[in-house]
Amino acid sequence: MKRHLYTIILLLFTLVSCSSLLEEEPYGIYSNKTFFQTEEDALSALLYAYLPINFIDYSQRALFLMSDVPTNQFILYSELGGKNSGGAENYDFFYWGNRISASTTKELTTFYRAAYASICRAHTVISNVEKMTNISEDARKQILGEAHFLLAYNYFMLVRTYGSVDGSSSVPLRTSAVEDASSNYEPYSTIEKVYGYIISQLETAESLTTIQKIQGRVDIVGVWALLSKVYLTLASSKATGAPGYGWVKDADEMYGKASYYAKKVLYDQDIYSLAQKLGDVYDTEKQATCPEHIFISGMSRNAQGSVEGTYSKLPQFFGLGMLNEDLYIVRDIETVEIGDMKPLSADKVMRYVNSKDNWATLRPDYRFYDTYSDKDLRKRLMINVYYNKDGIAQAAFSPSNIPYDGDKSPQGNLCYPACRKYTDPISIEEHCSSNLYYIRFAEVALIYAEAEGPTDEGYKWINKVRARAKLDPLTENLGVNEFRDSVYRERTWELAFEGHGLYDLRRTNRVDNNYITNKPDVMESPYRYFYPIPQTEIDLNIK
């Protein structure tokens, strides 16, 4: 994969900033006639279309800032008593909503532009690969199918992020490649129209793709998974009265379609499944082969050069900022109880990241940490004890360490339980192989459970997820609403810090102080259910 990616970066494209993706012609369009000659060319162009979703301004940082930070999963630095906020408050979009215009904030704009970069590149792939003659038919279908998937994936991210609560306006819908200056601009579409396009692109992708598990790319199982997720969003939004989805006619019909596609993922293939050990899901050395990952990014610490998105910096965002101290954590989360500070042998610990540069931008809230049962293995995915290289415990997290007063001692720094879903003990300084978990098998299992409700199948799959976390089966004989509430909670515990938080609250009409208890501005914010289109894009889009 990386060889093809470098080919297209070095031989064809230049990464440049632009004032608007809506007025930008896709990168490389000037050489379409000479570039799309071989199967390798087509694959390189496809990988280039994937690349923007790995950018810091899309999924490596902006996604967390827009989806998880506004929820009670994260805590602001000022709440920890930090004297230097590090800009943490600027990452709370609900905070922004009351103080400055969110439509001018950097992250909202860069996320928007990165999504359209991927869209423009996917359209370029489709328009050119369809005409190629020097390519096998199987490769043509797979590449085209993945490009159609990328159109759907990016528009799904956009339509859930930007728009109006009455559903009358979402994002501009570009349905073909930019051919000339006259097609630079597109009008803003309704939410309904965008979803119609998403589903049509996924149905096309389904007809073209097959099963092929390749890290960084998607196959037909990923198409089924995203279809299940799209239909679940429509179903739950309609059923709960979430703003923007009044046009959906029948929630039960949408639940049925979500169940249909999720079931195909769970039963109609044997490549993907729940990983037997929870820790394997987040092990950088097992990401390519772990059956859990239906769609995961393909970033690598070994990526050559400095092209953003080919390697990861996720550990730096989630780290502890230990002030130039090496941070070691338990290697296997199943071997040590929560809060246990007994010495371990050196082989039982590993470095959090092979770098002393930790920005500690994204900080889990200790009150969210306390919502997990102590029996739940997923609680151990938040670091509450850290060690030295010899396995000797140095400090344990405790709320009593708050307020943080800038003390350089380890104890003073461990004032929140850091997330360990993104680690790389053998990173090459800041270049890491920690990847983004776009779609996991566990998520699809919970989609199926939610769509099915309290049936035997619904209980079966939520209990599979709970069993891996070492939890008892869910209470039996729950009503539909009680069961789905239980699934919502399970999703939060299972998918925490993976970019789902606010999107889940929006589609279930729960953006309120019951679920964002630590953000007092939430009920005042005009952006609870949709963020505004970036003002610079409004100014540039003349339609």
Protein backbone atom coordinates (compact mmCIF):
# COMPACT_ATOMS: atom_id res chain seq x y z
CA MET A 1 0.00 0.00 0.00
CA LYS A 2 2.66 2.51 1.00
CA ARG A 3 4.64 2.02 -2.25
CA HIS A 4 1.62 3.04 -4.31
CA LEU A 5 0.94 5.99 -2.03
CA TYR A 6 4.44 7.33 -2.42
CA THR A 7 4.26 6.86 -6.19
CA ILE A 8 1.31 9.15 -6.51
CA ILE A 9 2.65 11.71 -4.05
CA LEU A 10 6.09 11.88 -5.67
CA LEU A 11 5.16 11.60 -9.32
CA LEU A 12 1.82 13.26 -9.63
CA PHE A 13 0.37 15.38 -6.89
CA THR A 14 1.39 18.37 -4.80
CA LEU A 15 -0.16 18.93 -1.38
CA VAL A 16 -1.24 22.57 -1.32
CA SER A 17 -3.66 24.66 0.69
CA CYS A 18 -6.61 26.16 -1.12
CA SER A 19 -9.20 28.74 -0.31
CA SER A 20 -12.09 26.40 -0.97
CA LEU A 21 -12.52 22.76 -1.95
CA LEU A 22 -15.70 23.77 -3.73
CA GLU A 23 -13.75 25.93 -6.18
CA GLU A 24 -10.77 23.61 -6.37
CA GLU A 25 -10.23 21.29 -9.29
CA PRO A 26 -9.15 17.85 -8.02
CA TYR A 27 -5.41 17.49 -7.52
CA GLY A 28 -3.78 15.96 -10.58
CA ILE A 29 -6.56 16.77 -13.02
CA TYR A 30 -4.02 18.37 -15.35
CA SER A 31 -2.40 14.97 -15.92
CA ASN A 32 -5.39 12.66 -16.10
CA LYS A 33 -4.72 11.96 -19.78
CA THR A 34 -1.19 10.81 -19.08
CA PHE A 35 -1.51 9.29 -15.62
CA PHE A 36 -4.42 6.83 -15.72
CA GLN A 37 -2.65 4.31 -17.95
CA THR A 38 -2.08 1.25 -15.75
CA GLU A 39 -3.72 -0.67 -12.95
CA GLU A 40 -1.06 0.62 -10.60
CA ASP A 41 -1.96 4.20 -11.60
CA ALA A 42 -5.60 3.54 -10.76
CA LEU A 43 -4.73 2.07 -7.36
CA SER A 44 -2.41 4.98 -6.56
CA ALA A 45 -5.18 7.45 -7.36
CA LEU A 46 -7.59 5.53 -5.11
CA LEU A 47 -5.14 5.58 -2.20
CA TYR A 48 -4.73 9.30 -2.72
CA ALA A 49 -8.51 9.65 -2.36
CA TYR A 50 -8.36 7.79 0.96
CA LEU A 51 -5.56 9.99 2.32
CA PRO A 52 -7.50 13.10 3.49
CA ILE A 53 -9.57 11.18 6.01
CA ASN A 54 -6.32 10.42 7.88
CA PHE A 55 -5.37 14.10 8.15
CA ILE A 56 -5.01 15.79 11.54
CA ASP A 57 -7.65 18.26 10.36
CA TYR A 58 -10.12 15.43 9.68
CA SER A 59 -9.89 12.31 11.81
CA GLN A 60 -6.60 12.53 13.70
CA ARG A 61 -7.75 15.51 15.74
CA ALA A 62 -10.75 17.41 14.38
CA LEU A 63 -13.12 14.44 14.60
CA PHE A 64 -12.42 14.04 18.32
CA LEU A 65 -12.75 17.76 18.92
CA MET A 66 -16.12 17.92 17.20
CA SER A 67 -17.62 14.64 18.37
CA ASP A 68 -16.12 13.53 21.70
CA VAL A 69 -14.74 16.61 23.43
CA PRO A 70 -18.19 18.30 23.69
CA THR A 71 -19.49 15.27 25.60
CA ASN A 72 -18.75 14.20 29.16
CA GLN A 73 -16.06 11.81 27.92
CA PHE A 74 -13.49 14.60 28.11
CA ILE A 75 -12.51 17.24 30.64
CA LEU A 76 -11.22 20.73 29.94
CA TYR A 77 -7.78 21.68 31.16
CA SER A 78 -9.16 24.56 33.22
CA GLU A 79 -11.24 22.07 35.21
CA LEU A 80 -8.01 20.31 36.13
CA GLY A 81 -6.63 23.56 37.49
CA GLY A 82 -4.12 24.02 34.67
CA LYS A 83 -2.61 27.48 34.57
CA ASN A 84 -1.93 27.24 30.85
CA SER A 85 -5.06 26.04 29.11
CA GLY A 86 -3.15 24.89 26.05
CA GLY A 87 -6.16 26.01 24.04
CA ALA A 88 -8.33 23.28 25.55
CA GLU A 89 -11.36 25.54 25.86
CA ASN A 90 -11.07 26.29 22.16
CA TYR A 91 -11.73 22.61 21.55
CA ASP A 92 -15.15 22.69 23.18
CA PHE A 93 -17.54 23.61 20.41
CA PHE A 94 -20.36 24.29 22.80
CA TYR A 95 -18.09 26.73 24.57
CA TRP A 96 -17.48 28.37 21.22
CA GLY A 97 -21.19 28.58 20.57
CA ASN A 98 -21.67 31.11 23.33
CA ARG A 99 -18.49 33.14 22.95
CA ILE A 100 -17.37 33.41 19.35
CA SER A 101 -18.77 32.50 15.97
CA ALA A 102 -18.28 28.76 15.49
CA SER A 103 -18.67 29.30 11.75
CA THR A 104 -15.20 30.88 11.69
CA THR A 105 -13.33 28.34 13.79
CA LYS A 106 -10.39 26.58 12.18
CA GLU A 107 -11.37 22.98 12.93
CA LEU A 108 -14.85 23.29 11.44
CA THR A 109 -13.35 24.69 8.27
CA THR A 110 -10.48 22.24 7.88
CA PHE A 111 -12.72 19.22 8.56
CA TYR A 112 -15.11 20.46 5.86
CA ARG A 113 -12.33 21.01 3.34
CA ALA A 114 -10.62 17.67 4.01
CA ALA A 115 -13.89 15.81 3.43
CA TYR A 116 -14.35 17.56 0.10
CA ALA A 117 -10.74 16.84 -0.84
CA SER A 118 -11.49 13.12 -0.51
CA ILE A 119 -14.76 13.58 -2.41
CA CYS A 120 -13.07 15.42 -5.29
CA ARG A 121 -10.36 12.78 -5.54
CA ALA A 122 -12.89 9.92 -5.46
CA HIS A 123 -14.83 11.52 -8.33
CA THR A 124 -11.58 11.83 -10.29
CA VAL A 125 -10.92 8.12 -9.76
CA ILE A 126 -14.41 7.18 -10.94
CA SER A 127 -14.44 9.39 -14.03
CA ASN A 128 -11.04 8.10 -15.17
CA VAL A 129 -11.02 4.44 -14.14
CA GLU A 130 -14.36 3.87 -15.84
CA LYS A 131 -12.66 4.72 -19.17
CA MET A 132 -9.43 2.78 -18.66
CA THR A 133 -8.67 -0.16 -20.94
CA ASN A 134 -5.36 -1.41 -19.52
CA ILE A 135 -6.81 -2.80 -16.28
CA SER A 136 -8.36 -6.12 -15.26
CA GLU A 137 -12.11 -6.10 -14.81
CA ASP A 138 -11.85 -7.34 -11.22
CA ALA A 139 -9.46 -4.52 -10.30
CA ARG A 140 -11.63 -1.96 -12.07
CA LYS A 141 -14.72 -3.03 -10.12
CA GLN A 142 -12.98 -3.06 -6.76
CA ILE A 143 -11.33 0.33 -7.26
CA LEU A 144 -14.56 1.91 -8.49
CA GLY A 145 -16.50 0.33 -5.63
CA GLU A 146 -14.11 1.75 -3.06
CA ALA A 147 -14.30 5.20 -4.67
CA HIS A 148 -18.11 5.10 -4.46
CA PHE A 149 -17.77 4.05 -0.81
CA LEU A 150 -15.54 7.06 -0.14
CA LEU A 151 -18.17 9.39 -1.59
CA ALA A 152 -20.75 7.88 0.76
CA TYR A 153 -18.44 7.87 3.79
CA ASN A 154 -17.44 11.50 3.42
CA TYR A 155 -20.97 12.73 2.81
CA PHE A 156 -22.18 10.75 5.83
CA MET A 157 -19.59 12.53 7.95
CA LEU A 158 -20.60 15.89 6.49
CA VAL A 159 -24.39 15.50 6.73
CA ARG A 160 -24.20 14.55 10.42
CA THR A 161 -21.92 17.49 11.15
CA TYR A 162 -23.27 20.53 9.29
CA GLY A 163 -26.78 21.72 8.59
CA SER A 164 -30.02 23.16 9.91
CA VAL A 165 -32.31 21.64 12.53
CA ASP A 166 -35.33 21.74 10.18
CA GLY A 167 -33.49 19.59 7.62
CA SER A 168 -33.88 22.15 4.85
CA SER A 169 -30.18 22.74 4.38
CA SER A 170 -27.07 20.62 4.69
CA VAL A 171 -23.92 20.64 2.58
CA PRO A 172 -23.35 21.16 -1.15
CA LEU A 173 -23.80 17.87 -2.99
CA ARG A 174 -21.23 17.30 -5.70
CA THR A 175 -22.20 14.30 -7.83
CA SER A 176 -19.44 14.39 -10.45
CA ALA A 177 -15.86 15.50 -10.96
CA VAL A 178 -15.04 19.15 -11.60
CA GLU A 179 -14.68 19.55 -15.35
CA ASP A 180 -14.28 23.31 -15.69
CA ALA A 181 -14.74 26.58 -13.80
CA SER A 182 -18.48 26.62 -14.48
CA SER A 183 -18.96 23.55 -12.28
CA ASN A 184 -16.99 24.87 -9.32
CA TYR A 185 -20.03 25.69 -7.20
CA GLU A 186 -23.00 23.67 -6.01
CA PRO A 187 -26.14 24.70 -4.10
CA TYR A 188 -26.76 23.49 -0.54
CA SER A 189 -28.84 20.32 -0.48
CA THR A 190 -31.47 19.14 1.95
CA ILE A 191 -30.49 16.51 4.50
CA GLU A 192 -32.89 14.10 2.80
CA LYS A 193 -31.21 14.51 -0.58
CA VAL A 194 -27.74 13.96 0.86
CA TYR A 195 -28.84 10.73 2.53
CA GLY A 196 -30.41 9.57 -0.71
CA TYR A 197 -27.08 10.10 -2.45
CA ILE A 198 -25.17 8.30 0.32
CA ILE A 199 -27.38 5.23 0.03
CA SER A 200 -27.18 5.20 -3.78
CA GLN A 201 -23.37 5.32 -3.65
CA LEU A 202 -23.24 2.46 -1.15
CA GLU A 203 -25.61 0.35 -3.25
CA THR A 204 -23.32 0.93 -6.23
CA ALA A 205 -20.30 0.04 -4.12
CA GLU A 206 -22.02 -3.15 -2.96
CA SER A 207 -22.50 -4.23 -6.58
CA LEU A 208 -18.81 -3.76 -7.38
CA THR A 209 -16.80 -4.88 -4.34
CA THR A 210 -15.85 -8.26 -2.93
CA ILE A 211 -14.25 -9.37 0.35
CA GLN A 212 -10.58 -8.39 0.63
CA LYS A 213 -9.19 -7.47 4.03
CA ILE A 214 -6.50 -4.84 3.42
CA GLN A 215 -5.60 -2.35 6.13
CA GLY A 216 -6.39 1.19 5.04
CA ARG A 217 -8.97 0.11 2.46
CA VAL A 218 -12.56 -1.10 2.53
CA ASP A 219 -14.37 -4.06 0.97
CA ILE A 220 -17.96 -5.24 0.62
CA VAL A 221 -18.19 -5.96 4.36
CA GLY A 222 -17.32 -2.33 5.03
CA VAL A 223 -20.05 -1.31 2.59
CA TRP A 224 -22.60 -3.42 4.47
CA ALA A 225 -21.38 -2.00 7.77
CA LEU A 226 -21.76 1.60 6.63
CA LEU A 227 -25.21 0.90 5.19
CA SER A 228 -26.26 -0.51 8.56
CA LYS A 229 -24.92 2.59 10.27
CA VAL A 230 -26.66 4.97 7.86
CA TYR A 231 -30.01 3.24 8.24
CA LEU A 232 -29.64 3.09 12.03
CA THR A 233 -29.02 6.84 12.07
CA LEU A 234 -32.21 7.42 10.08
CA ALA A 235 -34.20 5.00 12.24
CA SER A 236 -33.12 6.27 15.64
CA SER A 237 -33.31 9.93 14.58
CA LYS A 238 -36.89 9.46 13.47
CA ALA A 239 -37.88 7.31 16.45
CA THR A 240 -36.52 9.76 19.01
CA GLY A 241 -37.59 12.95 17.26
CA ALA A 242 -34.03 14.18 16.67
CA PRO A 243 -34.01 17.56 14.86
CA GLY A 244 -33.45 17.46 11.11
CA TYR A 245 -35.02 14.04 10.44
CA GLY A 246 -38.75 14.73 10.31
CA TRP A 247 -38.72 13.76 6.63
CA VAL A 248 -37.95 10.09 7.45
CA LYS A 249 -41.25 8.29 6.91
CA ASP A 250 -40.97 5.07 8.91
CA ALA A 251 -38.51 4.39 11.72
CA ASP A 252 -39.36 0.68 11.84
CA GLU A 253 -38.58 0.30 8.15
CA MET A 254 -35.20 1.93 8.70
CA TYR A 255 -34.50 -0.30 11.72
CA GLY A 256 -35.32 -3.27 9.51
CA LYS A 257 -32.79 -2.20 6.88
CA ALA A 258 -30.15 -1.50 9.52
CA SER A 259 -30.72 -4.99 10.90
CA TYR A 260 -30.54 -6.53 7.41
CA TYR A 261 -27.14 -5.08 6.56
CA ALA A 262 -25.67 -5.55 10.02
CA LYS A 263 -26.74 -9.20 9.92
CA LYS A 264 -24.87 -9.65 6.64
CA VAL A 265 -21.70 -8.43 8.37
CA LEU A 266 -22.25 -10.75 11.32
CA TYR A 267 -23.30 -13.89 9.44
CA ASP A 268 -22.50 -13.72 5.71
CA GLN A 269 -18.70 -13.73 5.89
CA ASP A 270 -15.97 -15.38 7.97
CA ILE A 271 -13.10 -12.89 7.70
CA TYR A 272 -14.22 -10.37 10.33
CA SER A 273 -15.32 -11.05 13.91
CA LEU A 274 -14.94 -9.84 17.47
CA ALA A 275 -11.33 -10.07 18.56
CA GLN A 276 -11.10 -12.62 21.36
CA LYS A 277 -8.94 -10.35 23.51
CA LEU A 278 -9.92 -6.72 23.93
CA GLY A 279 -6.30 -5.59 24.09
CA ASP A 280 -5.62 -7.00 20.62
CA VAL A 281 -7.97 -4.42 19.11
CA TYR A 282 -5.56 -1.63 20.07
CA ASP A 283 -2.22 -3.41 19.53
CA THR A 284 -0.34 -1.63 16.74
CA GLU A 285 1.40 -4.86 15.74
CA LYS A 286 -1.92 -6.68 15.22
CA GLN A 287 -3.94 -4.02 13.44
CA ALA A 288 -3.48 -5.42 9.93
CA THR A 289 -4.63 -8.90 10.92
CA CYS A 290 -7.05 -8.27 13.79
CA PRO A 291 -10.50 -9.53 12.68
CA GLU A 292 -12.16 -6.65 14.55
CA HIS A 293 -11.16 -3.98 12.04
CA ILE A 294 -13.61 -3.64 9.17
CA PHE A 295 -12.28 -0.21 8.19
CA ILE A 296 -9.14 1.15 9.81
CA SER A 297 -6.60 3.69 8.60
CA GLY A 298 -3.27 2.49 7.23
CA MET A 299 -0.82 4.90 8.83
CA SER A 300 2.66 3.64 9.66
CA ARG A 301 5.62 4.81 11.72
CA ASN A 302 7.79 3.68 8.80
CA ALA A 303 6.24 6.08 6.31
CA GLN A 304 8.94 7.94 4.46
CA GLY A 305 9.02 11.73 4.39
CA SER A 306 6.68 14.07 6.20
CA VAL A 307 3.38 13.71 4.34
CA GLU A 308 0.57 14.19 6.85
CA GLY A 309 -1.73 11.20 7.13
CA THR A 310 0.82 8.54 6.15
CA TYR A 311 1.90 8.25 9.79
CA SER A 312 -0.02 8.89 13.01
CA LYS A 313 0.40 11.32 15.90
CA LEU A 314 -2.56 10.07 17.89
CA PRO A 315 -0.53 9.03 20.99
CA GLN A 316 0.70 12.60 21.32
CA PHE A 317 -2.87 13.93 21.41
CA PHE A 318 -4.02 11.42 24.04
CA GLY A 319 -0.81 11.27 26.10
CA LEU A 320 -0.14 12.40 29.64
CA GLY A 321 2.35 15.17 28.96
CA MET A 322 4.78 13.81 31.53
CA LEU A 323 7.28 16.66 31.21
CA ASN A 324 10.10 14.69 29.58
CA GLU A 325 9.60 11.60 31.71
CA ASP A 326 9.32 8.19 30.04
CA LEU A 327 5.87 6.77 30.54
CA TYR A 328 5.41 3.00 30.86
CA ILE A 329 2.06 1.24 31.10
CA VAL A 330 0.80 -2.31 31.63
CA ARG A 331 1.35 -4.36 28.48
CA ASP A 332 -1.66 -6.66 28.92
CA ILE A 333 -4.76 -5.03 30.42
CA GLU A 334 -6.04 -8.38 31.67
CA THR A 335 -3.10 -9.01 34.00
CA VAL A 336 -3.41 -6.15 36.51
CA GLU A 337 -6.35 -4.94 38.55
CA ILE A 338 -7.40 -1.31 38.50
CA GLY A 339 -5.29 0.80 40.83
CA ASP A 340 -2.89 -2.03 41.65
CA MET A 341 0.57 -0.52 42.25
CA LYS A 342 2.44 -3.75 42.97
CA PRO A 343 5.77 -4.06 41.15
CA LEU A 344 5.74 -5.87 37.81
CA SER A 345 8.52 -7.57 35.91
CA ALA A 346 10.00 -5.41 33.16
CA ASP A 347 8.46 -7.57 30.43
CA LYS A 348 4.96 -6.79 31.78
CA VAL A 349 5.19 -3.09 30.94
CA MET A 350 5.70 -1.17 27.71
CA ARG A 351 6.33 2.42 26.74
CA TYR A 352 3.21 4.44 25.99
CA VAL A 353 4.99 5.95 23.01
CA ASN A 354 8.66 5.99 22.07
CA SER A 355 8.80 9.77 22.32
CA LYS A 356 8.87 12.30 25.14
CA ASP A 357 6.75 14.73 23.15
CA ASN A 358 3.19 14.35 24.50
CA TRP A 359 0.79 17.24 23.99
CA ALA A 360 -1.98 15.81 26.21
CA THR A 361 -4.64 17.71 24.28
CA LEU A 362 -7.41 15.11 24.68
CA ARG A 363 -8.03 14.32 28.36
CA PRO A 364 -10.65 11.80 29.54
CA ASP A 365 -12.88 12.98 32.36
CA TYR A 366 -12.45 11.08 35.63
CA ARG A 367 -16.22 11.28 36.17
CA PHE A 368 -16.78 9.43 32.90
CA TYR A 369 -14.15 6.91 33.98
CA ASP A 370 -16.24 6.25 37.08
CA THR A 371 -19.29 5.26 34.98
CA TYR A 372 -17.53 1.97 34.12
CA SER A 373 -17.85 -1.03 36.39
CA ASP A 374 -14.52 -2.02 37.93
CA LYS A 375 -15.10 -5.47 36.38
CA ASP A 376 -15.23 -3.93 32.90
CA LEU A 377 -11.97 -4.50 31.00
CA ARG A 378 -12.72 -1.39 28.97
CA LYS A 379 -12.10 0.68 32.08
CA ARG A 380 -8.50 -0.51 31.90
CA LEU A 381 -8.20 1.16 28.52
CA MET A 382 -7.77 4.31 30.57
CA ILE A 383 -4.39 4.56 32.28
CA ASN A 384 -4.64 4.93 36.05
CA VAL A 385 -1.15 3.76 37.04
CA TYR A 386 2.11 4.43 35.31
CA TYR A 387 5.47 2.70 35.76
CA ASN A 388 9.14 3.08 35.01
CA LYS A 389 10.94 0.75 32.60
CA ASP A 390 11.65 -1.74 35.41
CA GLY A 391 7.97 -2.17 36.23
CA ILE A 392 7.98 -0.14 39.42
CA ALA A 393 4.79 1.90 39.85
CA GLN A 394 5.50 5.61 39.92
CA ALA A 395 2.07 7.15 40.41
CA ALA A 396 -1.63 6.38 40.35
CA PHE A 397 -4.44 8.54 39.09
CA SER A 398 -6.69 10.01 41.75
CA PRO A 399 -9.11 12.94 41.70
CA SER A 400 -7.18 14.16 44.72
CA ASN A 401 -4.40 15.09 42.28
CA ILE A 402 -6.70 17.85 41.06
CA PRO A 403 -6.14 20.75 40.86
CA TYR A 404 -3.08 20.36 38.73
CA ASP A 405 -0.74 23.16 39.75
CA GLY A 406 2.11 22.70 37.30
CA ASP A 407 4.10 20.50 39.70
CA LYS A 408 6.67 18.55 37.70
CA SER A 409 6.36 15.47 39.89
CA PRO A 410 4.71 12.36 38.36
CA GLN A 411 1.95 12.44 40.97
CA GLY A 412 1.05 16.00 40.12
CA ASN A 413 0.77 15.18 36.43
CA LEU A 414 -1.45 12.12 36.76
CA CYS A 415 -4.62 14.15 37.27
CA TYR A 416 -6.78 12.37 34.71
CA PRO A 417 -6.95 8.76 33.46
CA ALA A 418 -5.33 8.91 30.01
CA CYS A 419 -6.74 6.92 27.08
CA ARG A 420 -4.53 4.03 25.92
CA LYS A 421 -6.46 3.12 22.77
CA TYR A 422 -3.76 4.94 20.80
CA THR A 423 -0.28 3.83 21.83
CA ASP A 424 2.89 2.92 20.01
CA PRO A 425 5.75 1.65 22.22
CA ILE A 426 8.11 1.41 19.24
CA SER A 427 7.23 4.61 17.44
CA ILE A 428 9.95 6.43 15.57
CA GLU A 429 9.83 9.58 17.68
CA GLU A 430 6.57 11.33 16.67
CA HIS A 431 5.94 8.96 13.76
CA CYS A 432 3.47 6.36 15.06
CA SER A 433 1.50 3.39 13.77
CA SER A 434 -1.53 4.04 15.99
CA ASN A 435 -4.52 4.03 13.67
CA LEU A 436 -8.07 5.33 13.48
CA TYR A 437 -10.86 2.82 14.07
CA TYR A 438 -13.41 3.96 11.50
CA ILE A 439 -15.65 0.87 11.68
CA ARG A 440 -15.18 -2.04 14.10
CA PHE A 441 -16.99 -5.36 14.22
CA ALA A 442 -18.11 -4.59 17.78
CA GLU A 443 -19.87 -1.47 16.56
CA VAL A 444 -21.78 -3.47 13.96
CA ALA A 445 -22.74 -6.02 16.62
CA LEU A 446 -24.25 -3.18 18.66
CA ILE A 447 -25.94 -1.69 15.57
CA TYR A 448 -27.60 -5.05 15.04
CA ALA A 449 -28.64 -5.31 18.69
CA GLU A 450 -30.11 -1.81 18.67
CA ALA A 451 -31.99 -2.39 15.42
CA GLU A 452 -33.31 -5.80 16.51
CA GLY A 453 -34.38 -4.63 19.96
CA PRO A 454 -34.97 -7.11 22.84
CA THR A 455 -35.13 -10.21 20.64
CA ASP A 456 -32.98 -13.30 21.07
CA GLU A 457 -30.63 -11.91 18.41
CA GLY A 458 -30.49 -8.49 20.03
CA TYR A 459 -29.55 -9.98 23.40
CA LYS A 460 -27.11 -12.41 21.81
CA TRP A 461 -24.94 -9.72 20.22
CA ILE A 462 -24.92 -7.15 23.00
CA ASN A 463 -24.00 -9.94 25.38
CA LYS A 464 -21.12 -11.01 23.13
CA VAL A 465 -19.68 -7.52 23.42
CA ARG A 466 -20.26 -7.48 27.17
CA ALA A 467 -18.74 -10.93 27.64
CA ARG A 468 -15.49 -9.85 26.02
CA ALA A 469 -15.38 -6.96 28.50
CA LYS A 470 -15.87 -9.52 31.34
CA LEU A 471 -19.36 -8.25 32.17
CA ASP A 472 -22.44 -10.31 33.03
CA PRO A 473 -25.24 -10.65 30.46
CA LEU A 474 -27.70 -7.78 30.16
CA THR A 475 -30.86 -7.91 32.28
CA GLU A 476 -33.51 -10.04 30.56
CA ASN A 477 -37.07 -9.12 29.55
CA LEU A 478 -36.44 -5.42 28.98
CA GLY A 479 -38.90 -3.35 26.99
CA VAL A 480 -37.85 -1.92 23.62
CA ASN A 481 -36.97 1.51 24.98
CA GLU A 482 -35.14 0.10 28.02
CA PHE A 483 -33.19 -2.30 25.82
CA ARG A 484 -32.15 0.41 23.38
CA ASP A 485 -31.13 2.67 26.25
CA SER A 486 -28.88 -0.19 27.39
CA VAL A 487 -27.39 -0.45 23.92
CA TYR A 488 -26.71 3.31 23.92
CA ARG A 489 -24.77 2.95 27.18
CA GLU A 490 -22.90 -0.06 25.84
CA ARG A 491 -21.92 1.86 22.72
CA THR A 492 -20.57 4.70 24.85
CA TRP A 493 -18.41 2.36 26.92
CA GLU A 494 -17.27 0.30 23.94
CA LEU A 495 -16.62 3.13 21.47
CA ALA A 496 -15.44 5.89 23.81
CA PHE A 497 -12.66 8.11 22.42
CA GLU A 498 -13.21 6.79 18.88
CA GLY A 499 -15.14 9.74 17.44
CA HIS A 500 -18.75 8.62 17.98
CA GLY A 501 -19.85 10.60 21.05
CA LEU A 502 -21.81 13.61 19.85
CA TYR A 503 -23.04 11.85 16.70
CA ASP A 504 -24.67 9.18 18.87
CA LEU A 505 -26.24 11.79 21.16
CA ARG A 506 -27.56 13.72 18.17
CA ARG A 507 -29.22 10.75 16.46
CA THR A 508 -30.88 9.65 19.71
CA ASN A 509 -32.01 13.19 20.65
CA ARG A 510 -30.00 13.22 23.87
CA VAL A 511 -27.84 16.33 23.54
CA ASP A 512 -28.74 17.57 27.00
CA ASN A 513 -27.30 17.86 30.46
CA ASN A 514 -28.08 14.24 31.31
CA TYR A 515 -25.30 13.15 28.97
CA ILE A 516 -23.08 16.22 28.79
CA THR A 517 -23.18 16.95 32.50
CA ASN A 518 -19.78 18.61 32.67
CA LYS A 519 -20.38 21.19 29.92
CA PRO A 520 -22.64 23.91 31.36
CA ASP A 521 -22.97 25.73 28.04
CA VAL A 522 -24.61 22.87 26.19
CA MET A 523 -28.24 23.94 26.64
CA GLU A 524 -27.39 27.46 25.49
CA SER A 525 -25.52 26.46 22.36
CA PRO A 526 -27.21 26.85 18.97
CA TYR A 527 -24.94 24.07 17.67
CA ARG A 528 -26.21 21.13 19.68
CA TYR A 529 -27.51 19.19 16.68
CA PHE A 530 -25.66 20.68 13.71
CA TYR A 531 -22.59 22.85 13.37
CA PRO A 532 -22.81 25.77 10.95
CA ILE A 533 -21.28 25.69 7.47
CA PRO A 534 -17.90 27.47 7.73
CA GLN A 535 -18.35 31.11 6.85
CA THR A 536 -15.43 31.12 4.42
CA GLU A 537 -17.12 28.37 2.41
CA ILE A 538 -20.43 30.25 2.37
CA ASP A 539 -18.63 33.33 1.09
CA LEU A 540 -16.88 31.41 -1.66
CA ASN A 541 -19.81 29.28 -2.83
CA ILE A 542 -21.75 31.73 -5.01
CA LYS A 543 -24.72 29.36 -5.34
